[in-house]
Amino acid sequence: MHRQALWSLLSGMSFSFLVASCDDIPTVFLTAEDFRFVPDFVRVPASVPLSFSVYNAGRESHEFDSPILFYAATPVREQTKKSGRPGIEIEPGRSIRLVIAPPPGTYLFICRRKGHAGMTGTLIVE
């Protein structure tokens, strides 16, 4: 998407929860632990691009997936290994970073690895 069009679409957003600035883009940090995301609930206001960073602090590989959220995401950093599944695989000790610009809404994210069924979270963009 053209930069000017993106800024027009996303004007007016501010962030408040678990957000830090990285390269002039606010960043939300998530940790994938063994069988859970920390935090598992994030709320941010809508309007400008957001950097979404997921670090795997667990002992097993995890997968970060959110089909609706990925529609608005562009992977920009580190491990983006696809393994025939829809999500992004994250090896232990590795991280991924996505730059996203989602419209207001509720977005679920999950780990689709076998045995990790309860590993879910929610991003609310207001």
N, C-alpha and C. Protein backbone atom coordinates (compact mmCIF):
# COMPACT_ATOMS: atom_id res chain seq x y z
N MET A 1 0.85 -1.17 0.00
CA MET A 1 0.00 0.00 0.00
C MET A 1 0.90 1.24 0.00
N HIS A 2 0.50 2.24 -0.73
CA HIS A 2 1.25 3.49 -0.81
C HIS A 2 1.28 4.15 0.57
N ARG A 3 2.44 4.69 0.97
CA ARG A 3 2.64 5.25 2.31
C ARG A 3 1.59 6.33 2.65
N GLN A 4 1.33 7.25 1.72
CA GLN A 4 0.36 8.33 1.97
C GLN A 4 -1.04 7.75 2.20
N ALA A 5 -1.42 6.77 1.40
CA ALA A 5 -2.73 6.14 1.57
C ALA A 5 -2.81 5.42 2.92
N LEU A 6 -1.71 4.76 3.31
CA LEU A 6 -1.69 4.06 4.60
C LEU A 6 -1.87 5.04 5.74
N TRP A 7 -1.14 6.15 5.72
CA TRP A 7 -1.27 7.14 6.80
C TRP A 7 -2.66 7.75 6.82
N SER A 8 -3.27 8.00 5.66
CA SER A 8 -4.63 8.53 5.62
C SER A 8 -5.60 7.55 6.25
N LEU A 9 -5.42 6.28 5.93
CA LEU A 9 -6.29 5.24 6.46
C LEU A 9 -6.15 5.08 7.96
N LEU A 10 -4.93 5.29 8.48
CA LEU A 10 -4.64 4.95 9.86
C LEU A 10 -4.46 6.13 10.79
N SER A 11 -4.78 7.34 10.38
CA SER A 11 -4.53 8.53 11.21
C SER A 11 -5.33 8.51 12.51
N GLY A 12 -4.71 9.04 13.57
CA GLY A 12 -5.39 9.22 14.85
C GLY A 12 -5.18 8.13 15.88
N MET A 13 -4.27 7.17 15.70
CA MET A 13 -4.10 6.07 16.66
C MET A 13 -3.08 6.40 17.73
N SER A 14 -3.35 5.97 18.94
CA SER A 14 -2.36 6.04 20.02
C SER A 14 -2.36 4.69 20.73
N PHE A 15 -1.26 4.38 21.44
CA PHE A 15 -1.12 3.08 22.08
C PHE A 15 -0.88 3.27 23.56
N SER A 16 -1.32 2.27 24.37
CA SER A 16 -1.14 2.45 25.79
C SER A 16 -0.66 1.21 26.53
N PHE A 17 -0.91 -0.01 26.10
CA PHE A 17 -0.62 -1.20 26.89
C PHE A 17 0.51 -2.00 26.28
N LEU A 18 1.58 -2.24 27.07
CA LEU A 18 2.73 -3.01 26.62
C LEU A 18 3.27 -2.52 25.29
N VAL A 19 3.39 -1.23 25.19
CA VAL A 19 3.84 -0.65 23.93
C VAL A 19 5.10 0.15 24.18
N ALA A 20 6.09 -0.03 23.32
CA ALA A 20 7.32 0.75 23.36
C ALA A 20 7.59 1.24 21.95
N SER A 21 8.43 2.24 21.82
CA SER A 21 8.73 2.75 20.50
C SER A 21 9.95 2.05 19.93
N CYS A 22 9.88 1.63 18.69
CA CYS A 22 10.98 0.98 17.99
C CYS A 22 10.97 1.48 16.56
N ASP A 23 12.03 2.18 16.15
CA ASP A 23 12.08 2.71 14.79
C ASP A 23 10.88 3.61 14.50
N ASP A 24 10.46 4.41 15.46
CA ASP A 24 9.33 5.32 15.32
C ASP A 24 7.99 4.62 15.13
N ILE A 25 7.93 3.31 15.37
CA ILE A 25 6.68 2.56 15.31
C ILE A 25 6.44 1.97 16.69
N PRO A 26 5.28 2.23 17.31
CA PRO A 26 5.01 1.63 18.62
C PRO A 26 5.06 0.11 18.52
N THR A 27 5.56 -0.55 19.59
CA THR A 27 5.74 -2.00 19.59
C THR A 27 4.99 -2.65 20.74
N VAL A 28 4.25 -3.71 20.43
CA VAL A 28 3.62 -4.57 21.44
C VAL A 28 4.50 -5.80 21.55
N PHE A 29 4.89 -6.16 22.79
CA PHE A 29 5.74 -7.33 23.03
C PHE A 29 4.92 -8.47 23.61
N LEU A 30 5.03 -9.64 23.00
CA LEU A 30 4.41 -10.87 23.51
C LEU A 30 5.51 -11.90 23.73
N THR A 31 5.30 -12.78 24.70
CA THR A 31 6.20 -13.89 24.92
C THR A 31 5.40 -15.18 24.78
N ALA A 32 5.92 -16.10 23.97
CA ALA A 32 5.34 -17.43 23.87
C ALA A 32 6.10 -18.31 24.85
N GLU A 33 5.41 -18.73 25.90
CA GLU A 33 6.01 -19.63 26.87
C GLU A 33 5.47 -21.02 26.60
N ASP A 34 5.83 -21.97 27.41
CA ASP A 34 5.29 -23.30 27.20
C ASP A 34 3.80 -23.30 27.49
N PHE A 35 3.02 -23.33 26.41
CA PHE A 35 1.57 -23.47 26.42
C PHE A 35 0.78 -22.23 26.79
N ARG A 36 1.40 -21.02 26.68
CA ARG A 36 0.64 -19.79 26.88
C ARG A 36 1.38 -18.60 26.28
N PHE A 37 0.59 -17.56 25.93
CA PHE A 37 1.15 -16.28 25.52
C PHE A 37 1.07 -15.33 26.70
N VAL A 38 2.09 -14.52 26.90
CA VAL A 38 2.10 -13.54 27.97
C VAL A 38 2.41 -12.18 27.37
N PRO A 39 1.53 -11.20 27.49
CA PRO A 39 0.17 -11.32 28.00
C PRO A 39 -0.71 -12.02 26.97
N ASP A 40 -1.86 -12.48 27.43
CA ASP A 40 -2.79 -13.12 26.51
C ASP A 40 -3.93 -12.19 26.12
N PHE A 41 -3.87 -10.94 26.58
CA PHE A 41 -4.87 -9.94 26.23
C PHE A 41 -4.17 -8.60 26.07
N VAL A 42 -4.32 -7.99 24.89
CA VAL A 42 -3.71 -6.70 24.61
C VAL A 42 -4.76 -5.80 24.00
N ARG A 43 -4.82 -4.56 24.47
CA ARG A 43 -5.77 -3.58 23.94
C ARG A 43 -4.97 -2.36 23.48
N VAL A 44 -5.18 -1.94 22.24
CA VAL A 44 -4.50 -0.76 21.69
C VAL A 44 -5.52 0.07 20.92
N PRO A 45 -5.32 1.39 20.90
CA PRO A 45 -6.16 2.23 20.05
C PRO A 45 -5.74 2.08 18.58
N ALA A 46 -6.63 2.39 17.66
CA ALA A 46 -6.36 2.20 16.24
C ALA A 46 -5.95 3.50 15.56
N SER A 47 -5.04 3.43 14.57
CA SER A 47 -4.79 4.49 13.60
C SER A 47 -3.44 4.48 12.91
N VAL A 48 -2.35 4.04 13.54
CA VAL A 48 -1.05 4.04 12.86
C VAL A 48 -0.47 2.63 12.87
N PRO A 49 0.52 2.35 12.05
CA PRO A 49 1.13 1.02 12.08
C PRO A 49 1.67 0.67 13.46
N LEU A 50 1.68 -0.60 13.75
CA LEU A 50 2.08 -1.14 15.04
C LEU A 50 3.06 -2.28 14.79
N SER A 51 4.14 -2.30 15.54
CA SER A 51 5.09 -3.42 15.48
C SER A 51 4.67 -4.43 16.54
N PHE A 52 4.53 -5.67 16.13
CA PHE A 52 4.07 -6.75 17.00
C PHE A 52 5.23 -7.73 17.11
N SER A 53 5.84 -7.85 18.28
CA SER A 53 7.02 -8.69 18.48
C SER A 53 6.65 -9.89 19.35
N VAL A 54 6.97 -11.10 18.88
CA VAL A 54 6.67 -12.32 19.62
C VAL A 54 7.98 -13.08 19.83
N TYR A 55 8.34 -13.31 21.09
CA TYR A 55 9.56 -14.02 21.47
C TYR A 55 9.19 -15.38 22.05
N ASN A 56 9.86 -16.44 21.62
CA ASN A 56 9.61 -17.78 22.14
C ASN A 56 10.57 -18.05 23.30
N ALA A 57 10.07 -17.95 24.52
CA ALA A 57 10.86 -18.23 25.73
C ALA A 57 10.66 -19.66 26.20
N GLY A 58 9.91 -20.44 25.44
CA GLY A 58 9.62 -21.81 25.83
C GLY A 58 10.70 -22.79 25.39
N ARG A 59 10.50 -24.05 25.74
CA ARG A 59 11.44 -25.13 25.38
C ARG A 59 11.08 -25.79 24.06
N GLU A 60 9.87 -25.53 23.56
CA GLU A 60 9.39 -26.14 22.33
C GLU A 60 9.17 -25.07 21.27
N SER A 61 9.13 -25.50 20.01
CA SER A 61 8.74 -24.59 18.93
C SER A 61 7.29 -24.20 19.13
N HIS A 62 6.97 -22.97 18.79
CA HIS A 62 5.60 -22.49 18.84
C HIS A 62 5.25 -21.91 17.48
N GLU A 63 3.97 -21.72 17.28
CA GLU A 63 3.49 -21.15 16.04
C GLU A 63 2.62 -19.95 16.40
N PHE A 64 2.82 -18.86 15.72
CA PHE A 64 1.98 -17.69 15.94
C PHE A 64 1.09 -17.55 14.72
N ASP A 65 -0.22 -17.61 14.95
CA ASP A 65 -1.16 -17.54 13.84
C ASP A 65 -2.36 -16.70 14.22
N SER A 66 -2.78 -15.88 13.28
CA SER A 66 -3.99 -15.07 13.39
C SER A 66 -4.40 -14.69 11.98
N PRO A 67 -5.17 -15.52 11.29
CA PRO A 67 -5.46 -15.28 9.88
C PRO A 67 -6.01 -13.89 9.57
N ILE A 68 -6.91 -13.38 10.36
CA ILE A 68 -7.46 -12.05 10.08
C ILE A 68 -6.42 -10.97 10.34
N LEU A 69 -5.67 -11.10 11.42
CA LEU A 69 -4.62 -10.13 11.72
C LEU A 69 -3.52 -10.19 10.66
N PHE A 70 -3.15 -11.37 10.20
CA PHE A 70 -2.11 -11.51 9.18
C PHE A 70 -2.50 -10.84 7.87
N TYR A 71 -3.78 -10.72 7.62
CA TYR A 71 -4.24 -10.05 6.42
C TYR A 71 -3.68 -8.63 6.34
N ALA A 72 -3.48 -8.00 7.52
CA ALA A 72 -2.97 -6.63 7.59
C ALA A 72 -1.50 -6.57 7.97
N ALA A 73 -0.82 -7.72 8.05
CA ALA A 73 0.55 -7.76 8.58
C ALA A 73 1.59 -7.98 7.49
N THR A 74 2.78 -7.45 7.74
CA THR A 74 3.93 -7.68 6.88
C THR A 74 5.08 -8.15 7.75
N PRO A 75 5.58 -9.39 7.59
CA PRO A 75 6.72 -9.83 8.39
C PRO A 75 7.96 -9.01 8.02
N VAL A 76 8.70 -8.54 9.04
CA VAL A 76 9.86 -7.71 8.75
C VAL A 76 11.13 -8.20 9.42
N ARG A 77 11.09 -9.23 10.26
CA ARG A 77 12.29 -9.56 11.01
C ARG A 77 12.36 -11.02 11.42
N GLU A 78 13.56 -11.53 11.43
CA GLU A 78 13.95 -12.83 11.95
C GLU A 78 13.18 -14.00 11.38
N GLN A 79 12.89 -14.95 12.23
CA GLN A 79 12.36 -16.25 11.82
C GLN A 79 10.95 -16.13 11.26
N THR A 80 10.77 -16.49 10.02
CA THR A 80 9.44 -16.54 9.42
C THR A 80 9.28 -17.89 8.73
N LYS A 81 9.75 -18.93 9.38
CA LYS A 81 9.75 -20.28 8.81
C LYS A 81 8.33 -20.82 8.70
N LYS A 82 7.95 -21.18 7.50
CA LYS A 82 6.65 -21.80 7.27
C LYS A 82 6.84 -23.31 7.24
N SER A 83 5.94 -24.05 7.83
CA SER A 83 6.08 -25.50 7.86
C SER A 83 4.83 -26.19 7.34
N GLY A 84 4.23 -25.62 6.29
CA GLY A 84 3.02 -26.21 5.74
C GLY A 84 1.78 -25.84 6.52
N ARG A 85 1.94 -25.09 7.59
CA ARG A 85 0.82 -24.63 8.40
C ARG A 85 0.58 -23.15 8.09
N PRO A 86 -0.57 -22.62 8.48
CA PRO A 86 -0.86 -21.22 8.16
C PRO A 86 -0.08 -20.20 8.99
N GLY A 87 0.41 -20.56 10.17
CA GLY A 87 1.08 -19.61 11.05
C GLY A 87 2.57 -19.49 10.79
N ILE A 88 3.24 -18.71 11.64
CA ILE A 88 4.68 -18.53 11.56
C ILE A 88 5.32 -19.33 12.70
N GLU A 89 6.23 -20.21 12.35
CA GLU A 89 6.91 -21.03 13.36
C GLU A 89 7.99 -20.20 14.05
N ILE A 90 8.07 -20.32 15.37
CA ILE A 90 9.09 -19.61 16.15
C ILE A 90 9.84 -20.65 16.98
N GLU A 91 11.11 -20.83 16.69
CA GLU A 91 11.95 -21.78 17.42
C GLU A 91 12.28 -21.22 18.81
N PRO A 92 12.59 -22.07 19.79
CA PRO A 92 12.97 -21.59 21.13
C PRO A 92 14.13 -20.58 21.05
N GLY A 93 14.01 -19.50 21.79
CA GLY A 93 15.04 -18.48 21.81
C GLY A 93 15.01 -17.52 20.64
N ARG A 94 14.07 -17.68 19.73
CA ARG A 94 13.95 -16.81 18.55
C ARG A 94 12.73 -15.92 18.67
N SER A 95 12.65 -14.91 17.80
CA SER A 95 11.50 -14.02 17.80
C SER A 95 11.10 -13.69 16.38
N ILE A 96 9.89 -13.19 16.26
CA ILE A 96 9.41 -12.66 15.00
C ILE A 96 8.94 -11.24 15.26
N ARG A 97 8.91 -10.45 14.24
CA ARG A 97 8.39 -9.09 14.35
C ARG A 97 7.53 -8.84 13.12
N LEU A 98 6.30 -8.40 13.35
CA LEU A 98 5.37 -8.07 12.29
C LEU A 98 5.03 -6.60 12.41
N VAL A 99 4.93 -5.92 11.29
CA VAL A 99 4.40 -4.57 11.30
C VAL A 99 2.98 -4.70 10.77
N ILE A 100 2.03 -4.27 11.58
CA ILE A 100 0.62 -4.44 11.24
C ILE A 100 -0.10 -3.10 11.33
N ALA A 101 -1.19 -3.01 10.62
CA ALA A 101 -2.02 -1.81 10.65
C ALA A 101 -3.48 -2.25 10.59
N PRO A 102 -3.94 -2.97 11.63
CA PRO A 102 -5.30 -3.50 11.58
C PRO A 102 -6.35 -2.44 11.87
N PRO A 103 -7.50 -2.54 11.23
CA PRO A 103 -8.62 -1.66 11.58
C PRO A 103 -9.19 -2.06 12.94
N PRO A 104 -10.02 -1.21 13.53
CA PRO A 104 -10.63 -1.57 14.82
C PRO A 104 -11.32 -2.93 14.74
N GLY A 105 -11.16 -3.69 15.81
CA GLY A 105 -11.78 -5.01 15.87
C GLY A 105 -11.12 -5.88 16.91
N THR A 106 -11.59 -7.10 17.03
CA THR A 106 -11.04 -8.08 17.94
C THR A 106 -10.36 -9.16 17.12
N TYR A 107 -9.09 -9.43 17.45
CA TYR A 107 -8.28 -10.38 16.70
C TYR A 107 -7.75 -11.45 17.65
N LEU A 108 -8.06 -12.69 17.35
CA LEU A 108 -7.57 -13.80 18.15
C LEU A 108 -6.25 -14.27 17.56
N PHE A 109 -5.30 -14.66 18.43
CA PHE A 109 -4.07 -15.27 17.97
C PHE A 109 -3.87 -16.58 18.73
N ILE A 110 -3.25 -17.55 18.05
CA ILE A 110 -3.14 -18.90 18.61
C ILE A 110 -1.82 -19.54 18.22
N CYS A 111 -1.49 -20.61 18.95
CA CYS A 111 -0.43 -21.53 18.55
C CYS A 111 -1.14 -22.79 18.07
N ARG A 112 -0.88 -23.17 16.82
CA ARG A 112 -1.57 -24.32 16.23
C ARG A 112 -0.80 -25.63 16.40
N ARG A 113 0.26 -25.64 17.18
CA ARG A 113 1.04 -26.87 17.36
C ARG A 113 0.19 -27.91 18.09
N LYS A 114 0.37 -29.17 17.71
CA LYS A 114 -0.37 -30.26 18.36
C LYS A 114 -0.06 -30.26 19.86
N GLY A 115 -1.11 -30.29 20.67
CA GLY A 115 -0.96 -30.29 22.12
C GLY A 115 -0.94 -28.90 22.74
N HIS A 116 -0.98 -27.86 21.92
CA HIS A 116 -0.94 -26.48 22.44
C HIS A 116 -2.30 -25.80 22.31
N ALA A 117 -3.37 -26.57 22.38
CA ALA A 117 -4.72 -26.07 22.10
C ALA A 117 -5.14 -24.88 22.96
N GLY A 118 -4.70 -24.79 24.19
CA GLY A 118 -5.10 -23.68 25.06
C GLY A 118 -4.23 -22.45 24.92
N MET A 119 -3.29 -22.46 23.99
CA MET A 119 -2.35 -21.35 23.83
C MET A 119 -2.98 -20.33 22.88
N THR A 120 -3.72 -19.38 23.46
CA THR A 120 -4.45 -18.38 22.68
C THR A 120 -4.30 -17.01 23.32
N GLY A 121 -4.68 -16.00 22.58
CA GLY A 121 -4.69 -14.64 23.09
C GLY A 121 -5.61 -13.78 22.25
N THR A 122 -5.79 -12.54 22.73
CA THR A 122 -6.69 -11.61 22.06
C THR A 122 -6.05 -10.24 21.94
N LEU A 123 -6.14 -9.65 20.76
CA LEU A 123 -5.73 -8.26 20.52
C LEU A 123 -6.99 -7.49 20.19
N ILE A 124 -7.25 -6.45 20.96
CA ILE A 124 -8.40 -5.58 20.68
C ILE A 124 -7.85 -4.25 20.20
N VAL A 125 -8.29 -3.84 19.03
CA VAL A 125 -7.89 -2.56 18.43
C VAL A 125 -9.13 -1.67 18.47
N GLU A 126 -9.01 -0.54 19.19
CA GLU A 126 -10.17 0.35 19.36
C GLU A 126 -9.94 1.68 18.67
